[in-house]
Amino acid sequence: MALTPFDFSAPIRTERLVLRPMTLEDVDAVHSYQSLPEVAEYQLFEPRSREAVLEKVTGFASALRLESDGDYLQVAVEESGRLIGDVYFAIKSVDNLCGEIGWTFHPDAQGRGFATEAARAMLELGFGLGLHRVVAELDPRNAASVALCLRLGMRHEAHFVEDMMFKGSWADTGVYALLAREWAAR
């Protein structure tokens, strides 16, 4: 089996959302949530300055192809024309047909099912490209992300205790995963 390469050239539309490539025009919107302590709390980054967001979005805007190990998309998620968050989707291993998913949303957009809708669209894309498995690695203290994994049908596969230095102290990692056959059977 092989992975079908994907070029992110056209938006993905769901019932309420538009998922599209990031552009430099998104810097202020992304900064509006990535600069918040409550958003950065469980992320690998501290609240970001506008300059740091500009640097990140510049990279995100050029990441438009899924084909090889490490390729990723950082997808802008819009609701009613407003950027409300982003979804990360990466190829972890072409040989093992494994992908990885993650998400970050503005607090104003949380609790309304937008992250679930966007993540489902990205899982549909990934499994449609021929992936066998998609994982999410997260801080298990992030109850909202754990709940999202479970809503997506992901299974809790691992809990690594104090496996990484995170913002000055040891932290755990939770691993959730979903197989293509499980996705197809939902």
Protein backbone atom coordinates (compact mmCIF):
# COMPACT_ATOMS: atom_id res chain seq x y z
CA MET A 1 0.00 0.00 0.00
CA ALA A 2 1.14 3.54 -0.67
CA LEU A 3 0.32 7.03 0.45
CA THR A 4 -1.35 9.25 -2.13
CA PRO A 5 0.44 12.63 -2.14
CA PHE A 6 -1.72 15.66 -1.37
CA ASP A 7 -1.27 19.27 -2.45
CA PHE A 8 -3.29 21.69 -0.33
CA SER A 9 -4.44 24.03 -3.08
CA ALA A 10 -8.19 24.26 -2.49
CA PRO A 11 -10.10 24.82 0.75
CA ILE A 12 -11.85 21.94 2.50
CA ARG A 13 -15.45 22.80 3.38
CA THR A 14 -17.49 21.24 6.16
CA GLU A 15 -21.01 22.06 7.31
CA ARG A 16 -19.91 25.21 9.17
CA LEU A 17 -16.23 25.64 8.46
CA VAL A 18 -13.66 26.38 5.79
CA LEU A 19 -10.26 24.76 6.25
CA ARG A 20 -7.65 26.47 4.12
CA PRO A 21 -3.92 27.07 3.88
CA MET A 22 -2.51 29.71 6.22
CA THR A 23 -1.40 33.02 4.71
CA LEU A 24 0.51 35.99 6.06
CA GLU A 25 -2.84 37.78 6.34
CA ASP A 26 -3.61 35.38 9.23
CA VAL A 27 -0.84 36.63 11.54
CA ASP A 28 -3.03 38.92 13.66
CA ALA A 29 -5.82 36.36 14.01
CA VAL A 30 -3.39 33.59 14.99
CA HIS A 31 -1.63 35.95 17.40
CA SER A 32 -5.01 36.73 19.03
CA TYR A 33 -5.11 33.21 20.48
CA GLN A 34 -1.50 31.98 20.46
CA SER A 35 -0.58 34.95 22.68
CA LEU A 36 -3.02 33.87 25.41
CA PRO A 37 -1.64 32.03 28.46
CA GLU A 38 -4.71 29.77 28.62
CA VAL A 39 -4.14 28.66 25.00
CA ALA A 40 -0.40 28.08 25.47
CA GLU A 41 -0.88 26.23 28.78
CA TYR A 42 -0.78 22.74 27.24
CA GLN A 43 1.13 23.65 24.06
CA LEU A 44 4.86 23.21 23.57
CA PHE A 45 5.17 26.98 23.27
CA GLU A 46 4.81 29.88 25.68
CA PRO A 47 2.41 32.70 24.72
CA ARG A 48 3.80 33.98 21.43
CA SER A 49 4.67 37.53 20.45
CA ARG A 50 3.39 38.86 17.16
CA GLU A 51 6.92 38.50 15.74
CA ALA A 52 7.06 34.83 16.77
CA VAL A 53 3.63 34.22 15.22
CA LEU A 54 4.76 35.94 12.00
CA GLU A 55 7.74 33.58 11.82
CA LYS A 56 5.54 30.52 12.46
CA VAL A 57 2.82 31.54 9.99
CA THR A 58 5.47 32.19 7.34
CA GLY A 59 6.49 28.54 7.68
CA PHE A 60 2.90 27.31 7.87
CA ALA A 61 2.02 29.18 4.66
CA SER A 62 4.66 27.26 2.72
CA ALA A 63 3.78 23.81 4.14
CA LEU A 64 1.29 22.71 1.50
CA ARG A 65 2.12 19.10 0.62
CA LEU A 66 1.72 15.73 2.33
CA GLU A 67 3.98 13.15 0.76
CA SER A 68 7.04 12.36 2.88
CA ASP A 69 7.92 11.78 6.52
CA GLY A 70 7.67 15.06 8.41
CA ASP A 71 5.48 16.82 5.85
CA TYR A 72 2.73 18.74 7.62
CA LEU A 73 -0.17 21.11 7.16
CA GLN A 74 -1.09 23.79 9.69
CA VAL A 75 -4.62 24.45 8.46
CA ALA A 76 -6.45 27.71 9.14
CA VAL A 77 -9.99 27.05 10.37
CA GLU A 78 -12.59 29.71 9.50
CA GLU A 79 -16.16 30.04 10.69
CA SER A 80 -18.28 32.71 8.98
CA GLY A 81 -15.12 34.22 7.44
CA ARG A 82 -13.29 34.54 10.81
CA LEU A 83 -10.17 32.51 11.62
CA ILE A 84 -10.99 30.69 14.87
CA GLY A 85 -8.16 28.20 15.15
CA ASP A 86 -5.90 25.79 13.35
CA VAL A 87 -5.44 22.07 12.92
CA TYR A 88 -2.07 20.38 12.55
CA PHE A 89 -1.82 17.28 10.38
CA ALA A 90 1.48 15.53 9.64
CA ILE A 91 2.93 12.43 8.07
CA LYS A 92 4.82 10.62 10.84
CA SER A 93 5.84 7.64 8.70
CA VAL A 94 5.18 6.85 5.06
CA ASP A 95 6.48 3.29 5.54
CA ASN A 96 3.98 2.70 8.36
CA LEU A 97 1.25 4.90 6.84
CA CYS A 98 0.98 6.85 10.09
CA GLY A 99 -0.16 10.43 10.55
CA GLU A 100 -0.47 12.79 13.49
CA ILE A 101 -3.16 15.33 14.33
CA GLY A 102 -3.39 18.26 16.72
CA TRP A 103 -5.42 21.45 17.18
CA THR A 104 -5.45 24.92 18.70
CA PHE A 105 -8.56 27.10 18.92
CA HIS A 106 -9.37 30.56 20.18
CA PRO A 107 -11.20 30.35 23.55
CA ASP A 108 -14.16 32.22 22.00
CA ALA A 109 -14.64 29.31 19.58
CA GLN A 110 -14.28 26.48 22.08
CA GLY A 111 -17.19 24.37 23.29
CA ARG A 112 -19.20 24.67 20.05
CA GLY A 113 -17.99 21.58 18.19
CA PHE A 114 -15.71 23.44 15.76
CA ALA A 115 -12.58 21.51 16.74
CA THR A 116 -14.43 18.21 16.34
CA GLU A 117 -15.75 19.23 12.92
CA ALA A 118 -12.33 20.41 11.72
CA ALA A 119 -10.49 17.36 13.08
CA ARG A 120 -13.00 15.02 11.44
CA ALA A 121 -12.36 16.71 8.10
CA MET A 122 -8.61 16.25 8.53
CA LEU A 123 -9.02 12.60 9.54
CA GLU A 124 -11.19 12.08 6.44
CA LEU A 125 -8.40 13.61 4.36
CA GLY A 126 -5.66 11.53 5.99
CA PHE A 127 -7.46 8.22 5.73
CA GLY A 128 -8.50 9.12 2.18
CA LEU A 129 -4.81 9.45 1.28
CA GLY A 130 -4.24 5.89 2.45
CA LEU A 131 -3.03 6.33 6.02
CA HIS A 132 -3.46 3.26 8.21
CA ARG A 133 -3.25 5.05 11.56
CA VAL A 134 -3.48 8.58 12.98
CA VAL A 135 -2.24 9.52 16.46
CA ALA A 136 -2.64 12.50 18.76
CA GLU A 137 -0.03 13.14 21.46
CA LEU A 138 -1.12 15.54 24.16
CA ASP A 139 -0.84 16.65 27.73
CA PRO A 140 -3.28 14.38 29.59
CA ARG A 141 -4.20 17.28 31.90
CA ASN A 142 -5.86 18.92 28.88
CA ALA A 143 -9.35 17.54 29.50
CA ALA A 144 -10.85 19.29 26.46
CA SER A 145 -8.36 17.66 24.08
CA VAL A 146 -8.78 14.27 25.72
CA ALA A 147 -12.56 14.60 25.28
CA LEU A 148 -12.08 15.59 21.64
CA CYS A 149 -9.95 12.51 20.98
CA LEU A 150 -12.69 10.33 22.46
CA ARG A 151 -15.42 12.09 20.39
CA LEU A 152 -13.35 11.37 17.29
CA GLY A 153 -13.34 7.67 18.19
CA MET A 154 -9.67 7.61 19.14
CA ARG A 155 -8.56 5.09 21.73
CA HIS A 156 -6.27 5.90 24.65
CA GLU A 157 -3.20 3.82 23.90
CA ALA A 158 -0.51 5.08 26.22
CA HIS A 159 0.26 7.32 29.14
CA PHE A 160 3.95 8.09 29.47
CA VAL A 161 4.77 9.34 32.96
CA GLU A 162 7.17 12.28 33.25
CA ASP A 163 8.60 11.53 29.82
CA MET A 164 9.41 15.10 28.84
CA MET A 165 10.67 18.33 30.31
CA PHE A 166 7.80 20.76 29.76
CA LYS A 167 8.08 24.41 30.72
CA GLY A 168 10.51 23.76 33.54
CA SER A 169 9.07 20.58 35.05
CA TRP A 170 8.48 16.96 34.14
CA ALA A 171 5.21 16.25 32.36
CA ASP A 172 3.28 13.25 31.10
CA THR A 173 2.22 12.49 27.53
CA GLY A 174 -1.05 10.84 26.53
CA VAL A 175 -1.26 9.01 23.21
CA TYR A 176 -4.56 8.49 21.40
CA ALA A 177 -4.94 6.69 18.07
CA LEU A 178 -7.40 5.65 15.41
CA LEU A 179 -7.07 3.09 12.62
CA ALA A 180 -8.44 3.49 9.10
CA ARG A 181 -10.75 0.48 9.54
CA GLU A 182 -12.14 1.99 12.77
CA TRP A 183 -12.71 5.31 10.98
CA ALA A 184 -14.51 3.53 8.12
CA ALA A 185 -16.74 1.60 10.55
CA ARG A 186 -17.89 4.61 12.59
